Amino acid sequence: RTIDSFGVQNVDLVINSGLYEGKAAISQKRGMRTAMGSAQWLSLRNYMTTADAVREIREEKGYKIYASDLNPNSKDVRDLDWDVGPICVVMGNEDR
């Protein structure tokens, strides 16, 4: 939903459902159904591993990769150089 609100069209996902068991699997599926409500307007591509995603996005497609991080030493998103060419913004979820 956050991505949709920024007007982003192409979304690359790393979802390995096999990592979730028990209550976490149920929660993950429920969360995905909620989040994927916006998916009908987005172009989605799923990767099985983060390494696969980074390899294709950075090395094959030439994107610069920015990762979100709540570390106090992180750069403010408003201070990033958004004019460096194609950019991939990596966002995690609350649990992993």
Protein backbone atom coordinates (compact mmCIF):
# COMPACT_ATOMS: atom_id res chain seq x y z
CA ARG A 1 0.00 0.00 0.00
CA THR A 2 2.88 2.39 0.73
CA ILE A 3 4.37 1.77 -2.70
CA ASP A 4 1.04 2.39 -4.39
CA SER A 5 0.67 5.69 -2.54
CA PHE A 6 3.98 6.91 -4.02
CA GLY A 7 2.85 6.15 -7.56
CA VAL A 8 5.39 3.38 -8.13
CA GLN A 9 4.38 0.96 -10.89
CA ASN A 10 6.99 -1.84 -10.83
CA VAL A 11 7.46 -3.81 -7.62
CA ASP A 12 10.02 -6.58 -7.07
CA LEU A 13 9.24 -8.88 -4.12
CA VAL A 14 11.20 -11.46 -2.17
CA ILE A 15 8.66 -13.82 -0.67
CA ASN A 16 9.68 -17.27 0.42
CA SER A 17 6.52 -18.65 2.02
CA GLY A 18 8.43 -21.72 3.17
CA LEU A 19 10.13 -19.63 5.87
CA TYR A 20 6.87 -19.18 7.78
CA GLU A 21 5.45 -21.85 10.08
CA GLY A 22 2.52 -22.12 12.50
CA LYS A 23 1.02 -18.80 13.62
CA ALA A 24 3.61 -16.86 11.59
CA ALA A 25 2.37 -18.56 8.40
CA ILE A 26 -1.22 -17.56 9.14
CA SER A 27 -0.19 -14.00 9.99
CA GLN A 28 1.99 -13.77 6.87
CA LYS A 29 -0.84 -14.96 4.64
CA ARG A 30 -3.32 -12.55 6.26
CA GLY A 31 -0.84 -9.67 5.92
CA MET A 32 -0.14 -10.51 2.29
CA ARG A 33 -3.86 -10.53 1.47
CA THR A 34 -4.20 -7.07 3.01
CA ALA A 35 -1.08 -5.64 1.40
CA MET A 36 -1.79 -7.25 -1.95
CA GLY A 37 -5.11 -5.41 -2.22
CA SER A 38 -3.16 -2.69 -4.01
CA ALA A 39 -1.47 -5.27 -6.23
CA GLN A 40 -4.17 -5.15 -8.87
CA TRP A 41 -2.72 -1.77 -9.96
CA LEU A 42 0.96 -2.75 -9.73
CA SER A 43 3.34 -4.78 -11.88
CA LEU A 44 4.78 -7.42 -9.52
CA ARG A 45 7.77 -9.72 -9.86
CA ASN A 46 8.68 -12.25 -7.16
CA TYR A 47 12.17 -13.55 -6.39
CA MET A 48 12.86 -16.56 -4.17
CA THR A 49 15.94 -14.99 -2.54
CA THR A 50 17.29 -11.53 -1.83
CA ALA A 51 20.51 -12.48 -3.64
CA ASP A 52 18.53 -13.28 -6.81
CA ALA A 53 16.72 -9.94 -6.60
CA VAL A 54 19.88 -7.89 -6.02
CA ARG A 55 21.75 -9.69 -8.79
CA GLU A 56 19.07 -8.91 -11.37
CA ILE A 57 18.10 -5.43 -10.19
CA ARG A 58 21.61 -4.05 -9.65
CA GLU A 59 23.85 -6.10 -11.90
CA GLU A 60 21.60 -6.85 -14.85
CA LYS A 61 19.26 -3.84 -14.86
CA GLY A 62 21.76 -1.27 -13.51
CA TYR A 63 19.66 0.13 -10.65
CA LYS A 64 21.19 1.88 -7.62
CA ILE A 65 19.80 0.23 -4.49
CA TYR A 66 18.70 2.22 -1.42
CA ALA A 67 17.55 0.29 1.67
CA SER A 68 15.25 1.62 4.36
CA ASP A 69 16.73 1.45 7.84
CA LEU A 70 15.67 2.87 11.19
CA ASN A 71 19.26 3.10 12.44
CA PRO A 72 20.05 6.51 14.01
CA ASN A 73 23.03 6.81 11.62
CA SER A 74 20.86 6.36 8.52
CA LYS A 75 20.47 9.16 5.98
CA ASP A 76 17.18 10.99 5.87
CA VAL A 77 15.21 9.98 2.76
CA ARG A 78 14.96 13.66 1.82
CA ASP A 79 18.77 13.88 1.67
CA LEU A 80 19.26 11.07 -0.86
CA ASP A 81 20.26 11.75 -4.44
CA TRP A 82 17.20 10.70 -6.43
CA ASP A 83 18.68 11.83 -9.78
CA VAL A 84 21.38 9.16 -10.10
CA GLY A 85 19.42 7.08 -12.62
CA PRO A 86 17.11 4.16 -11.97
CA ILE A 87 16.66 3.46 -8.26
CA CYS A 88 15.40 0.48 -6.28
CA VAL A 89 14.15 1.18 -2.75
CA VAL A 90 14.31 -1.84 -0.45
CA MET A 91 11.71 -1.98 2.32
CA GLY A 92 11.36 -4.82 4.79
CA ASN A 93 8.48 -5.85 6.97
CA GLU A 94 8.01 -5.54 10.70
CA ASP A 95 8.85 -9.15 11.55
CA ARG A 96 11.91 -10.00 9.46
